[in-house]
Protein backbone atom coordinates (compact mmCIF):
# COMPACT_ATOMS: atom_id res chain seq x y z
CA UNK A 1 -5.05 -2.32 -17.56
CA UNK A 2 -5.97 -1.12 -13.97
CA UNK A 3 -5.69 -3.41 -10.95
CA UNK A 4 -9.17 -3.88 -10.58
CA UNK A 5 -9.69 -5.04 -14.35
CA UNK A 6 -6.64 -7.62 -13.81
CA UNK A 7 -8.02 -8.67 -10.50
CA UNK A 8 -11.21 -9.98 -12.32
CA UNK A 9 -9.80 -10.93 -15.68
CA UNK A 10 -7.51 -13.21 -13.75
CA UNK A 11 -10.20 -14.85 -11.51
CA UNK A 12 -12.29 -15.41 -15.11
CA UNK A 13 -9.29 -17.32 -16.16
CA UNK A 14 -10.14 -19.70 -13.03
CA UNK A 15 -13.69 -20.24 -13.69
CA UNK A 16 -12.91 -22.84 -16.45
CA UNK A 17 -14.79 -25.63 -14.92
CA UNK A 18 -17.58 -25.95 -12.39
CA UNK A 19 -16.72 -25.51 -8.71
CA UNK A 20 -16.34 -28.37 -6.48
CA UNK A 21 -17.29 -27.14 -2.83
CA UNK A 22 -14.68 -28.49 -0.41
CA UNK A 23 -15.36 -29.43 2.85
CA UNK A 24 -16.45 -27.07 5.33
CA UNK A 25 -13.61 -27.51 7.65
CA UNK A 26 -11.04 -27.08 5.44
CA UNK A 27 -12.93 -23.80 4.73
CA UNK A 28 -12.80 -22.61 8.34
CA UNK A 29 -8.96 -23.42 8.57
CA UNK A 30 -8.91 -21.42 5.24
CA UNK A 31 -10.59 -18.58 7.21
CA UNK A 32 -8.79 -19.21 10.49
CA UNK A 33 -5.35 -18.48 8.81
CA UNK A 34 -6.44 -15.29 7.45
CA UNK A 35 -7.63 -14.32 10.66
CA UNK A 36 -4.48 -15.17 12.45
CA UNK A 37 -2.57 -13.85 9.25
CA UNK A 38 -0.75 -17.45 9.48
CA UNK A 39 1.87 -18.45 6.71
CA UNK A 40 0.62 -21.22 4.09
CA UNK A 41 2.71 -23.34 2.24
CA UNK A 42 0.28 -24.14 -0.73
CA UNK A 43 0.42 -26.37 -4.42
CA UNK A 44 -2.45 -25.57 -6.26
CA UNK A 45 -3.43 -26.12 -10.44
CA UNK A 46 -3.78 -23.20 -12.53
CA UNK A 47 -7.49 -23.33 -15.02
CA UNK A 48 -4.58 -24.12 -17.86
CA UNK A 49 -3.52 -26.96 -15.30
CA UNK A 50 -0.11 -25.43 -14.66
CA UNK A 51 1.15 -26.41 -10.86
CA UNK A 52 1.56 -23.16 -8.82
CA UNK A 53 4.04 -23.92 -5.56
CA UNK A 54 4.57 -20.80 -2.53
CA UNK A 55 4.75 -19.58 0.73
CA UNK A 56 1.82 -17.25 0.96
CA UNK A 57 -0.11 -14.98 3.84
CA UNK A 58 -3.60 -15.32 3.32
CA UNK A 59 -5.78 -12.18 3.08
CA UNK A 60 -9.58 -13.08 2.36
CA UNK A 61 -11.39 -16.09 1.57
CA UNK A 62 -14.53 -15.03 -0.62
CA UNK A 63 -17.08 -16.02 -3.00
CA UNK A 64 -17.65 -15.08 -6.79
CA UNK A 65 -20.31 -16.56 -9.19
CA UNK A 66 -20.74 -19.48 -6.95
CA UNK A 67 -17.19 -20.22 -6.29
CA UNK A 68 -14.67 -20.06 -3.38
CA UNK A 69 -11.13 -18.34 -3.76
CA UNK A 70 -8.57 -17.18 -1.60
CA UNK A 71 -6.83 -14.24 -1.68
CA UNK A 72 -3.07 -14.22 -0.59
CA UNK A 73 0.41 -13.06 -1.23
CA UNK A 74 3.90 -14.11 -1.24
CA UNK A 75 6.95 -12.32 0.53
CA UNK A 76 7.76 -10.79 -3.07
CA UNK A 77 4.50 -8.91 -2.93
CA UNK A 78 2.69 -11.23 -5.71
CA UNK A 79 -1.28 -11.18 -5.23
CA UNK A 80 -2.71 -14.75 -5.93
CA UNK A 81 -6.23 -15.37 -6.30
CA UNK A 82 -6.85 -19.00 -5.70
CA UNK A 83 -9.84 -20.54 -6.37
CA UNK A 84 -10.08 -22.96 -3.19
CA UNK A 85 -10.94 -26.37 -5.10
CA UNK A 86 -7.88 -26.34 -6.89
CA UNK A 87 -5.46 -26.23 -4.28
CA UNK A 88 -3.98 -29.97 -3.64
CA UNK A 89 -1.76 -29.60 -0.56
CA UNK A 90 -2.24 -26.47 2.12
CA UNK A 91 0.26 -26.70 5.04
CA UNK A 92 0.95 -24.80 7.68
CA UNK A 93 3.85 -22.61 7.08
CA UNK A 94 5.17 -22.64 10.94
CA UNK A 95 5.08 -26.73 11.56
CA UNK A 96 4.28 -28.42 7.90
CA UNK A 97 1.30 -29.70 9.29
CA UNK A 98 -1.53 -30.14 6.32
CA UNK A 99 -4.70 -28.23 6.33
CA UNK A 100 -6.41 -30.79 4.50
CA UNK A 101 -8.00 -33.98 5.42
CA UNK A 102 -6.87 -37.47 4.64
CA UNK A 103 -9.15 -38.89 2.01
């Protein structure tokens, strides 16, 4: 399977439930992390509800079919496409400060 098809196959798996828009300020923080090449420590839920954790370098924030995603890569070169509303915890790797405002 080529990378292009693999990428969109993974996105299709992540659209199991309707997208719940995230706060504008949080979205801006993800965009800022991309621009500044700032590593993030993330915990998120896959479509099958498995919990994933990784320190990642954010590469892009984009929208596809009404949902927003973060494209990121870990230090091993593993690429992740994470739906933003499935991120449960996001911290700046440099100091551990949360990107997600308290409820």
